[in-house]
Amino acid sequence: MILVNTDYISGKELEMLGLVKGSTIQTKNVGHDITQSFKTLVGGELKAYNDMMNDARALATKRMQQEAQAMGADAVVNVRYATSAIMAGAAEVMAYGTAVKFVG
């Protein structure tokens, strides 16, 4: 499945099928929260949280693709990501876009 953040795919005529989305809420365990809070004292990358967000984006993207495949889509255009904090140490990631089918 093709995923793009533009509203077109070069050389393809598209039939719009509709909005598709995928989301997940991820959190780290208490042990990671404690070790990452110490990192804020000295500075630097919060690797455990970075990994958590990468995993969350991948899962949200996979769920969006599954929804598009269920609609018979060949691609998803205008792919976007949104995040929001749910509580301390937990975040929601949503991937969304427009499912399309190639014409001709």
PDB file of N, CA and C in Angstrom:
ATOM      1  N   MET A   1       0.837  -1.170   0.000  1.00  0.00           N
ATOM      2  CA  MET A   1       0.000   0.000   0.000  1.00  0.00           C
ATOM      3  C   MET A   1       0.886   1.238   0.000  1.00  0.00           C
ATOM      4  N   ILE A   2       0.535   2.195  -0.833  1.00  0.00           N
ATOM      5  CA  ILE A   2       1.279   3.446  -0.928  1.00  0.00           C
ATOM      6  C   ILE A   2       0.717   4.436   0.082  1.00  0.00           C
ATOM      7  N   LEU A   3       1.614   5.066   0.839  1.00  0.00           N
ATOM      8  CA  LEU A   3       1.236   6.121   1.779  1.00  0.00           C
ATOM      9  C   LEU A   3       1.999   7.376   1.411  1.00  0.00           C
ATOM     10  N   VAL A   4       1.289   8.488   1.216  1.00  0.00           N
ATOM     11  CA  VAL A   4       1.949   9.755   0.895  1.00  0.00           C
ATOM     12  C   VAL A   4       1.312  10.875   1.712  1.00  0.00           C
ATOM     13  N   ASN A   5       2.084  11.944   1.920  1.00  0.00           N
ATOM     14  CA  ASN A   5       1.533  13.086   2.641  1.00  0.00           C
ATOM     15  C   ASN A   5       1.090  14.201   1.699  1.00  0.00           C
ATOM     16  N   THR A   6       0.983  13.894   0.414  1.00  0.00           N
ATOM     17  CA  THR A   6       0.449  14.825  -0.574  1.00  0.00           C
ATOM     18  C   THR A   6      -0.975  14.399  -0.927  1.00  0.00           C
ATOM     19  N   ASP A   7      -1.695  15.258  -1.642  1.00  0.00           N
ATOM     20  CA  ASP A   7      -3.067  14.899  -2.010  1.00  0.00           C
ATOM     21  C   ASP A   7      -3.144  14.273  -3.402  1.00  0.00           C
ATOM     22  N   TYR A   8      -2.003  13.867  -3.935  1.00  0.00           N
ATOM     23  CA  TYR A   8      -1.956  13.229  -5.252  1.00  0.00           C
ATOM     24  C   TYR A   8      -0.812  12.219  -5.275  1.00  0.00           C
ATOM     25  N   ILE A   9      -0.840  11.359  -6.292  1.00  0.00           N
ATOM     26  CA  ILE A   9       0.270  10.446  -6.566  1.00  0.00           C
ATOM     27  C   ILE A   9       0.589  10.643  -8.045  1.00  0.00           C
ATOM     28  N   SER A  10       1.791  11.051  -8.335  1.00  0.00           N
ATOM     29  CA  SER A  10       2.177  11.364  -9.715  1.00  0.00           C
ATOM     30  C   SER A  10       1.829  10.228 -10.663  1.00  0.00           C
ATOM     31  N   GLY A  11       1.180  10.594 -11.764  1.00  0.00           N
ATOM     32  CA  GLY A  11       0.852   9.640 -12.802  1.00  0.00           C
ATOM     33  C   GLY A  11      -0.370   8.785 -12.519  1.00  0.00           C
ATOM     34  N   LYS A  12      -1.060   9.031 -11.432  1.00  0.00           N
ATOM     35  CA  LYS A  12      -2.223   8.222 -11.070  1.00  0.00           C
ATOM     36  C   LYS A  12      -3.464   9.104 -10.983  1.00  0.00           C
ATOM     37  N   GLU A  13      -4.568   8.578 -11.520  1.00  0.00           N
ATOM     38  CA  GLU A  13      -5.859   9.221 -11.315  1.00  0.00           C
ATOM     39  C   GLU A  13      -6.501   8.512 -10.130  1.00  0.00           C
ATOM     40  N   LEU A  14      -7.033   9.280  -9.189  1.00  0.00           N
ATOM     41  CA  LEU A  14      -7.498   8.713  -7.933  1.00  0.00           C
ATOM     42  C   LEU A  14      -9.001   8.854  -7.747  1.00  0.00           C
ATOM     43  N   GLU A  15      -9.593   7.806  -7.201  1.00  0.00           N
ATOM     44  CA  GLU A  15     -10.981   7.852  -6.753  1.00  0.00           C
ATOM     45  C   GLU A  15     -10.946   7.866  -5.225  1.00  0.00           C
ATOM     46  N   MET A  16     -11.513   8.891  -4.622  1.00  0.00           N
ATOM     47  CA  MET A  16     -11.507   9.016  -3.172  1.00  0.00           C
ATOM     48  C   MET A  16     -12.520   8.041  -2.560  1.00  0.00           C
ATOM     49  N   LEU A  17     -12.079   7.280  -1.578  1.00  0.00           N
ATOM     50  CA  LEU A  17     -12.955   6.319  -0.908  1.00  0.00           C
ATOM     51  C   LEU A  17     -13.434   6.819   0.452  1.00  0.00           C
ATOM     52  N   GLY A  18     -12.637   7.629   1.109  1.00  0.00           N
ATOM     53  CA  GLY A  18     -13.044   8.171   2.403  1.00  0.00           C
ATOM     54  C   GLY A  18     -11.916   8.234   3.407  1.00  0.00           C
ATOM     55  N   LEU A  19     -12.237   8.807   4.546  1.00  0.00           N
ATOM     56  CA  LEU A  19     -11.287   8.976   5.638  1.00  0.00           C
ATOM     57  C   LEU A  19     -10.964   7.628   6.278  1.00  0.00           C
ATOM     58  N   VAL A  20      -9.687   7.423   6.551  1.00  0.00           N
ATOM     59  CA  VAL A  20      -9.251   6.252   7.308  1.00  0.00           C
ATOM     60  C   VAL A  20      -8.356   6.728   8.439  1.00  0.00           C
ATOM     61  N   LYS A  21      -8.380   5.989   9.545  1.00  0.00           N
ATOM     62  CA  LYS A  21      -7.557   6.379  10.681  1.00  0.00           C
ATOM     63  C   LYS A  21      -7.162   5.158  11.481  1.00  0.00           C
ATOM     64  N   GLY A  22      -6.130   5.348  12.254  1.00  0.00           N
ATOM     65  CA  GLY A  22      -5.677   4.329  13.186  1.00  0.00           C
ATOM     66  C   GLY A  22      -5.117   5.041  14.390  1.00  0.00           C
ATOM     67  N   SER A  23      -5.319   4.473  15.568  1.00  0.00           N
ATOM     68  CA  SER A  23      -4.785   5.129  16.763  1.00  0.00           C
ATOM     69  C   SER A  23      -4.375   4.103  17.802  1.00  0.00           C
ATOM     70  N   THR A  24      -3.603   4.577  18.751  1.00  0.00           N
ATOM     71  CA  THR A  24      -3.190   3.762  19.896  1.00  0.00           C
ATOM     72  C   THR A  24      -2.848   4.697  21.044  1.00  0.00           C
ATOM     73  N   ILE A  25      -2.959   4.189  22.228  1.00  0.00           N
ATOM     74  CA  ILE A  25      -2.500   4.899  23.423  1.00  0.00           C
ATOM     75  C   ILE A  25      -1.414   4.039  24.042  1.00  0.00           C
ATOM     76  N   GLN A  26      -0.266   4.638  24.236  1.00  0.00           N
ATOM     77  CA  GLN A  26       0.897   3.912  24.749  1.00  0.00           C
ATOM     78  C   GLN A  26       1.368   4.537  26.052  1.00  0.00           C
ATOM     79  N   THR A  27       1.966   3.708  26.897  1.00  0.00           N
ATOM     80  CA  THR A  27       2.563   4.178  28.138  1.00  0.00           C
ATOM     81  C   THR A  27       3.805   3.350  28.442  1.00  0.00           C
ATOM     82  N   LYS A  28       4.652   3.877  29.255  1.00  0.00           N
ATOM     83  CA  LYS A  28       5.826   3.145  29.733  1.00  0.00           C
ATOM     84  C   LYS A  28       5.570   2.703  31.157  1.00  0.00           C
ATOM     85  N   ASN A  29       6.293   1.658  31.587  1.00  0.00           N
ATOM     86  CA  ASN A  29       6.104   1.186  32.957  1.00  0.00           C
ATOM     87  C   ASN A  29       6.764   2.124  33.967  1.00  0.00           C
ATOM     88  N   VAL A  30       6.450   1.939  35.211  1.00  0.00           N
ATOM     89  CA  VAL A  30       6.931   2.824  36.276  1.00  0.00           C
ATOM     90  C   VAL A  30       8.453   2.886  36.318  1.00  0.00           C
ATOM     91  N   GLY A  31       9.117   1.762  36.090  1.00  0.00           N
ATOM     92  CA  GLY A  31      10.584   1.739  36.096  1.00  0.00           C
ATOM     93  C   GLY A  31      11.168   2.684  35.068  1.00  0.00           C
ATOM     94  N   HIS A  32      10.601   2.671  33.867  1.00  0.00           N
ATOM     95  CA  HIS A  32      11.081   3.587  32.837  1.00  0.00           C
ATOM     96  C   HIS A  32      10.752   5.026  33.195  1.00  0.00           C
ATOM     97  N   ASP A  33       9.586   5.275  33.781  1.00  0.00           N
ATOM     98  CA  ASP A  33       9.223   6.637  34.185  1.00  0.00           C
ATOM     99  C   ASP A  33      10.241   7.198  35.172  1.00  0.00           C
ATOM    100  N   ILE A  34      10.644   6.383  36.143  1.00  0.00           N
ATOM    101  CA  ILE A  34      11.591   6.844  37.161  1.00  0.00           C
ATOM    102  C   ILE A  34      12.947   7.142  36.539  1.00  0.00           C
ATOM    103  N   THR A  35      13.463   6.217  35.719  1.00  0.00           N
ATOM    104  CA  THR A  35      14.777   6.442  35.113  1.00  0.00           C
ATOM    105  C   THR A  35      14.753   7.615  34.147  1.00  0.00           C
ATOM    106  N   GLN A  36      13.655   7.799  33.427  1.00  0.00           N
ATOM    107  CA  GLN A  36      13.572   8.912  32.489  1.00  0.00           C
ATOM    108  C   GLN A  36      13.435  10.245  33.222  1.00  0.00           C
ATOM    109  N   SER A  37      12.820  10.239  34.410  1.00  0.00           N
ATOM    110  CA  SER A  37      12.698  11.488  35.173  1.00  0.00           C
ATOM    111  C   SER A  37      14.064  11.962  35.656  1.00  0.00           C
ATOM    112  N   PHE A  38      14.977  11.033  35.964  1.00  0.00           N
ATOM    113  CA  PHE A  38      16.343  11.427  36.331  1.00  0.00           C
ATOM    114  C   PHE A  38      17.049  12.083  35.144  1.00  0.00           C
ATOM    115  N   LYS A  39      16.730  11.631  33.946  1.00  0.00           N
ATOM    116  CA  LYS A  39      17.357  12.174  32.739  1.00  0.00           C
ATOM    117  C   LYS A  39      17.024  13.657  32.576  1.00  0.00           C
ATOM    118  N   THR A  40      15.846  14.085  33.057  1.00  0.00           N
ATOM    119  CA  THR A  40      15.478  15.498  32.928  1.00  0.00           C
ATOM    120  C   THR A  40      16.389  16.390  33.764  1.00  0.00           C
ATOM    121  N   LEU A  41      17.053  15.814  34.763  1.00  0.00           N
ATOM    122  CA  LEU A  41      17.967  16.598  35.600  1.00  0.00           C
ATOM    123  C   LEU A  41      19.270  16.913  34.876  1.00  0.00           C
ATOM    124  N   VAL A  42      19.731  15.988  34.035  1.00  0.00           N
ATOM    125  CA  VAL A  42      21.023  16.168  33.375  1.00  0.00           C
ATOM    126  C   VAL A  42      20.888  16.501  31.892  1.00  0.00           C
ATOM    127  N   GLY A  43      19.714  16.332  31.343  1.00  0.00           N
ATOM    128  CA  GLY A  43      19.495  16.631  29.928  1.00  0.00           C
ATOM    129  C   GLY A  43      19.801  15.443  29.034  1.00  0.00           C
ATOM    130  N   GLY A  44      19.378  15.537  27.806  1.00  0.00           N
ATOM    131  CA  GLY A  44      19.627  14.480  26.839  1.00  0.00           C
ATOM    132  C   GLY A  44      18.340  13.852  26.339  1.00  0.00           C
ATOM    133  N   GLU A  45      18.498  12.939  25.414  1.00  0.00           N
ATOM    134  CA  GLU A  45      17.361  12.270  24.792  1.00  0.00           C
ATOM    135  C   GLU A  45      16.712  11.291  25.756  1.00  0.00           C
ATOM    136  N   LEU A  46      15.381  11.280  25.767  1.00  0.00           N
ATOM    137  CA  LEU A  46      14.624  10.323  26.567  1.00  0.00           C
ATOM    138  C   LEU A  46      14.340   9.115  25.681  1.00  0.00           C
ATOM    139  N   LYS A  47      15.322   8.219  25.574  1.00  0.00           N
ATOM    140  CA  LYS A  47      15.272   7.118  24.615  1.00  0.00           C
ATOM    141  C   LYS A  47      14.060   6.210  24.815  1.00  0.00           C
ATOM    142  N   ALA A  48      13.702   5.894  26.040  1.00  0.00           N
ATOM    143  CA  ALA A  48      12.563   5.004  26.282  1.00  0.00           C
ATOM    144  C   ALA A  48      11.275   5.630  25.746  1.00  0.00           C
ATOM    145  N   TYR A  49      11.112   6.937  25.922  1.00  0.00           N
ATOM    146  CA  TYR A  49       9.923   7.603  25.411  1.00  0.00           C
ATOM    147  C   TYR A  49       9.982   7.751  23.888  1.00  0.00           C
ATOM    148  N   ASN A  50      11.160   7.983  23.369  1.00  0.00           N
ATOM    149  CA  ASN A  50      11.328   8.051  21.916  1.00  0.00           C
ATOM    150  C   ASN A  50      10.930   6.721  21.284  1.00  0.00           C
ATOM    151  N   ASP A  51      11.401   5.621  21.877  1.00  0.00           N
ATOM    152  CA  ASP A  51      11.044   4.283  21.389  1.00  0.00           C
ATOM    153  C   ASP A  51       9.537   4.047  21.493  1.00  0.00           C
ATOM    154  N   MET A  52       8.941   4.489  22.606  1.00  0.00           N
ATOM    155  CA  MET A  52       7.506   4.327  22.803  1.00  0.00           C
ATOM    156  C   MET A  52       6.728   5.049  21.695  1.00  0.00           C
ATOM    157  N   MET A  53       7.132   6.274  21.378  1.00  0.00           N
ATOM    158  CA  MET A  53       6.421   7.044  20.356  1.00  0.00           C
ATOM    159  C   MET A  53       6.637   6.449  18.969  1.00  0.00           C
ATOM    160  N   ASN A  54       7.830   5.942  18.677  1.00  0.00           N
ATOM    161  CA  ASN A  54       8.066   5.280  17.387  1.00  0.00           C
ATOM    162  C   ASN A  54       7.182   4.046  17.245  1.00  0.00           C
ATOM    163  N   ASP A  55       7.081   3.264  18.314  1.00  0.00           N
ATOM    164  CA  ASP A  55       6.212   2.078  18.295  1.00  0.00           C
ATOM    165  C   ASP A  55       4.752   2.480  18.117  1.00  0.00           C
ATOM    166  N   ALA A  56       4.337   3.536  18.793  1.00  0.00           N
ATOM    167  CA  ALA A  56       2.955   4.008  18.700  1.00  0.00           C
ATOM    168  C   ALA A  56       2.634   4.488  17.285  1.00  0.00           C
ATOM    169  N   ARG A  57       3.546   5.231  16.663  1.00  0.00           N
ATOM    170  CA  ARG A  57       3.317   5.693  15.280  1.00  0.00           C
ATOM    171  C   ARG A  57       3.210   4.513  14.328  1.00  0.00           C
ATOM    172  N   ALA A  58       4.078   3.523  14.513  1.00  0.00           N
ATOM    173  CA  ALA A  58       4.047   2.341  13.636  1.00  0.00           C
ATOM    174  C   ALA A  58       2.722   1.587  13.792  1.00  0.00           C
ATOM    175  N   LEU A  59       2.242   1.427  15.019  1.00  0.00           N
ATOM    176  CA  LEU A  59       0.987   0.714  15.247  1.00  0.00           C
ATOM    177  C   LEU A  59      -0.204   1.503  14.696  1.00  0.00           C
ATOM    178  N   ALA A  60      -0.216   2.815  14.913  1.00  0.00           N
ATOM    179  CA  ALA A  60      -1.310   3.649  14.391  1.00  0.00           C
ATOM    180  C   ALA A  60      -1.325   3.605  12.860  1.00  0.00           C
ATOM    181  N   THR A  61      -0.148   3.628  12.242  1.00  0.00           N
ATOM    182  CA  THR A  61      -0.052   3.556  10.778  1.00  0.00           C
ATOM    183  C   THR A  61      -0.566   2.210  10.277  1.00  0.00           C
ATOM    184  N   LYS A  62      -0.185   1.137  10.955  1.00  0.00           N
ATOM    185  CA  LYS A  62      -0.635  -0.204  10.570  1.00  0.00           C
ATOM    186  C   LYS A  62      -2.160  -0.300  10.644  1.00  0.00           C
ATOM    187  N   ARG A  63      -2.738   0.233  11.693  1.00  0.00           N
ATOM    188  CA  ARG A  63      -4.198   0.197  11.843  1.00  0.00           C
ATOM    189  C   ARG A  63      -4.898   1.028  10.775  1.00  0.00           C
ATOM    190  N   MET A  64      -4.304   2.165  10.414  1.00  0.00           N
ATOM    191  CA  MET A  64      -4.865   2.992   9.338  1.00  0.00           C
ATOM    192  C   MET A  64      -4.820   2.220   8.018  1.00  0.00           C
ATOM    193  N   GLN A  65      -3.703   1.565   7.737  1.00  0.00           N
ATOM    194  CA  GLN A  65      -3.571   0.774   6.514  1.00  0.00           C
ATOM    195  C   GLN A  65      -4.591  -0.362   6.478  1.00  0.00           C
ATOM    196  N   GLN A  66      -4.798  -1.025   7.592  1.00  0.00           N
ATOM    197  CA  GLN A  66      -5.774  -2.114   7.644  1.00  0.00           C
ATOM    198  C   GLN A  66      -7.181  -1.602   7.332  1.00  0.00           C
ATOM    199  N   GLU A  67      -7.520  -0.434   7.848  1.00  0.00           N
ATOM    200  CA  GLU A  67      -8.831   0.149   7.560  1.00  0.00           C
ATOM    201  C   GLU A  67      -8.950   0.488   6.073  1.00  0.00           C
ATOM    202  N   ALA A  68      -7.874   1.004   5.483  1.00  0.00           N
ATOM    203  CA  ALA A  68      -7.876   1.339   4.055  1.00  0.00           C
ATOM    204  C   ALA A  68      -8.000   0.065   3.206  1.00  0.00           C
ATOM    205  N   GLN A  69      -7.289  -0.989   3.574  1.00  0.00           N
ATOM    206  CA  GLN A  69      -7.371  -2.250   2.834  1.00  0.00           C
ATOM    207  C   GLN A  69      -8.783  -2.826   2.889  1.00  0.00           C
ATOM    208  N   ALA A  70      -9.434  -2.694   4.036  1.00  0.00           N
ATOM    209  CA  ALA A  70     -10.800  -3.193   4.176  1.00  0.00           C
ATOM    210  C   ALA A  70     -11.768  -2.447   3.251  1.00  0.00           C
ATOM    211  N   MET A  71     -11.417  -1.211   2.877  1.00  0.00           N
ATOM    212  CA  MET A  71     -12.242  -0.421   1.953  1.00  0.00           C
ATOM    213  C   MET A  71     -11.885  -0.707   0.496  1.00  0.00           C
ATOM    214  N   GLY A  72     -10.839  -1.510   0.268  1.00  0.00           N
ATOM    215  CA  GLY A  72     -10.392  -1.795  -1.090  1.00  0.00           C
ATOM    216  C   GLY A  72      -9.454  -0.747  -1.659  1.00  0.00           C
ATOM    217  N   ALA A  73      -8.785   0.009  -0.811  1.00  0.00           N
ATOM    218  CA  ALA A  73      -7.906   1.093  -1.256  1.00  0.00           C
ATOM    219  C   ALA A  73      -6.580   0.565  -1.798  1.00  0.00           C
ATOM    220  N   ASP A  74      -6.028   1.332  -2.729  1.00  0.00           N
ATOM    221  CA  ASP A  74      -4.685   1.070  -3.247  1.00  0.00           C
ATOM    222  C   ASP A  74      -3.637   1.923  -2.538  1.00  0.00           C
ATOM    223  N   ALA A  75      -4.096   3.025  -1.942  1.00  0.00           N
ATOM    224  CA  ALA A  75      -3.171   3.963  -1.318  1.00  0.00           C
ATOM    225  C   ALA A  75      -3.916   4.824  -0.312  1.00  0.00           C
ATOM    226  N   VAL A  76      -3.139   5.545   0.496  1.00  0.00           N
ATOM    227  CA  VAL A  76      -3.694   6.565   1.393  1.00  0.00           C
ATOM    228  C   VAL A  76      -2.924   7.852   1.121  1.00  0.00           C
ATOM    229  N   VAL A  77      -3.665   8.902   0.800  1.00  0.00           N
ATOM    230  CA  VAL A  77      -3.055  10.206   0.538  1.00  0.00           C
ATOM    231  C   VAL A  77      -3.342  11.147   1.699  1.00  0.00           C
ATOM    232  N   ASN A  78      -2.582  12.240   1.740  1.00  0.00           N
ATOM    233  CA  ASN A  78      -2.731  13.239   2.810  1.00  0.00           C
ATOM    234  C   ASN A  78      -2.552  12.627   4.196  1.00  0.00           C
ATOM    235  N   VAL A  79      -1.590  11.724   4.343  1.00  0.00           N
ATOM    236  CA  VAL A  79      -1.353  11.074   5.631  1.00  0.00           C
ATOM    237  C   VAL A  79      -0.822  12.102   6.628  1.00  0.00           C
ATOM    238  N   ARG A  80      -1.427  12.100   7.801  1.00  0.00           N
ATOM    239  CA  ARG A  80      -1.034  13.016   8.870  1.00  0.00           C
ATOM    240  C   ARG A  80      -0.994  12.248  10.192  1.00  0.00           C
ATOM    241  N   TYR A  81      -0.253  12.805  11.141  1.00  0.00           N
ATOM    242  CA  TYR A  81      -0.173  12.242  12.480  1.00  0.00           C
ATOM    243  C   TYR A  81      -0.555  13.315  13.492  1.00  0.00           C
ATOM    244  N   ALA A  82      -1.228  12.894  14.544  1.00  0.00           N
ATOM    245  CA  ALA A  82      -1.558  13.794  15.647  1.00  0.00           C
ATOM    246  C   ALA A  82      -1.245  13.059  16.944  1.00  0.00           C
ATOM    247  N   THR A  83      -0.788  13.802  17.934  1.00  0.00           N
ATOM    248  CA  THR A  83      -0.501  13.212  19.239  1.00  0.00           C
ATOM    249  C   THR A  83      -1.143  14.055  20.330  1.00  0.00           C
ATOM    250  N   SER A  84      -1.438  13.414  21.424  1.00  0.00           N
ATOM    251  CA  SER A  84      -1.932  14.154  22.591  1.00  0.00           C
ATOM    252  C   SER A  84      -1.545  13.383  23.847  1.00  0.00           C
ATOM    253  N   ALA A  85      -1.281  14.123  24.901  1.00  0.00           N
ATOM    254  CA  ALA A  85      -0.975  13.514  26.190  1.00  0.00           C
ATOM    255  C   ALA A  85      -2.286  13.118  26.851  1.00  0.00           C
ATOM    256  N   ILE A  86      -2.357  11.892  27.313  1.00  0.00           N
ATOM    257  CA  ILE A  86      -3.542  11.393  27.985  1.00  0.00           C
ATOM    258  C   ILE A  86      -3.381  11.577  29.499  1.00  0.00           C
ATOM    259  N   MET A  87      -2.191  11.270  29.986  1.00  0.00           N
ATOM    260  CA  MET A  87      -1.822  11.442  31.388  1.00  0.00           C
ATOM    261  C   MET A  87      -0.302  11.417  31.440  1.00  0.00           C
ATOM    262  N   ALA A  88       0.279  11.632  32.587  1.00  0.00           N
ATOM    263  CA  ALA A  88       1.738  11.618  32.694  1.00  0.00           C
ATOM    264  C   ALA A  88       2.276  10.270  32.210  1.00  0.00           C
ATOM    265  N   GLY A  89       3.150  10.316  31.220  1.00  0.00           N
ATOM    266  CA  GLY A  89       3.774   9.098  30.715  1.00  0.00           C
ATOM    267  C   GLY A  89       2.950   8.322  29.711  1.00  0.00           C
ATOM    268  N   ALA A  90       1.773   8.827  29.317  1.00  0.00           N
ATOM    269  CA  ALA A  90       0.934   8.130  28.338  1.00  0.00           C
ATOM    270  C   ALA A  90       0.553   9.099  27.229  1.00  0.00           C
ATOM    271  N   ALA A  91       0.581   8.606  25.995  1.00  0.00           N
ATOM    272  CA  ALA A  91       0.262   9.454  24.855  1.00  0.00           C
ATOM    273  C   ALA A  91      -0.572   8.690  23.840  1.00  0.00           C
ATOM    274  N   GLU A  92      -1.470   9.421  23.191  1.00  0.00           N
ATOM    275  CA  GLU A  92      -2.233   8.865  22.080  1.00  0.00           C
ATOM    276  C   GLU A  92      -1.579   9.321  20.791  1.00  0.00           C
ATOM    277  N   VAL A  93      -1.472   8.428  19.848  1.00  0.00           N
ATOM    278  CA  VAL A  93      -1.001   8.762  18.510  1.00  0.00           C
ATOM    279  C   VAL A  93      -2.089   8.346  17.531  1.00  0.00           C
ATOM    280  N   MET A  94      -2.437   9.258  16.624  1.00  0.00           N
ATOM    281  CA  MET A  94      -3.429   8.958  15.595  1.00  0.00           C
ATOM    282  C   MET A  94      -2.804   9.220  14.230  1.00  0.00           C
ATOM    283  N   ALA A  95      -2.991   8.273  13.328  1.00  0.00           N
ATOM    284  CA  ALA A  95      -2.607   8.432  11.928  1.00  0.00           C
ATOM    285  C   ALA A  95      -3.898   8.496  11.132  1.00  0.00           C
ATOM    286  N   TYR A  96      -3.980   9.428  10.184  1.00  0.00           N
ATOM    287  CA  TYR A  96      -5.196   9.532   9.381  1.00  0.00           C
ATOM    288  C   TYR A  96      -4.876  10.049   7.990  1.00  0.00           C
ATOM    289  N   GLY A  97      -5.772   9.765   7.058  1.00  0.00           N
ATOM    290  CA  GLY A  97      -5.593  10.201   5.691  1.00  0.00           C
ATOM    291  C   GLY A  97      -6.826   9.831   4.877  1.00  0.00           C
ATOM    292  N   THR A  98      -6.713   9.973   3.561  1.00  0.00           N
ATOM    293  CA  THR A  98      -7.812   9.655   2.657  1.00  0.00           C
ATOM    294  C   THR A  98      -7.469   8.404   1.869  1.00  0.00           C
ATOM    295  N   ALA A  99      -8.311   7.380   1.992  1.00  0.00           N
ATOM    296  CA  ALA A  99      -8.121   6.152   1.222  1.00  0.00           C
ATOM    297  C   ALA A  99      -8.532   6.419  -0.222  1.00  0.00           C
ATOM    298  N   VAL A 100      -7.723   5.937  -1.163  1.00  0.00           N
ATOM    299  CA  VAL A 100      -8.005   6.129  -2.588  1.00  0.00           C
ATOM    300  C   VAL A 100      -7.808   4.829  -3.348  1.00  0.00           C
ATOM    301  N   LYS A 101      -8.474   4.762  -4.469  1.00  0.00           N
ATOM    302  CA  LYS A 101      -8.343   3.644  -5.404  1.00  0.00           C
ATOM    303  C   LYS A 101      -7.833   4.230  -6.716  1.00  0.00           C
ATOM    304  N   PHE A 102      -6.955   3.512  -7.400  1.00  0.00           N
ATOM    305  CA  PHE A 102      -6.444   3.963  -8.677  1.00  0.00           C
ATOM    306  C   PHE A 102      -7.521   3.749  -9.754  1.00  0.00           C
ATOM    307  N   VAL A 103      -7.690   4.741 -10.609  1.00  0.00           N
ATOM    308  CA  VAL A 103      -8.651   4.669 -11.696  1.00  0.00           C
ATOM    309  C   VAL A 103      -7.889   4.360 -12.980  1.00  0.00           C
ATOM    310  N   GLY A 104      -8.384   3.389 -13.740  1.00  0.00           N
ATOM    311  CA  GLY A 104      -7.784   3.062 -15.041  1.00  0.00           C
ATOM    312  C   GLY A 104      -6.591   2.210 -15.025  1.00  0.00           C
TER     313      GLY A 104
END
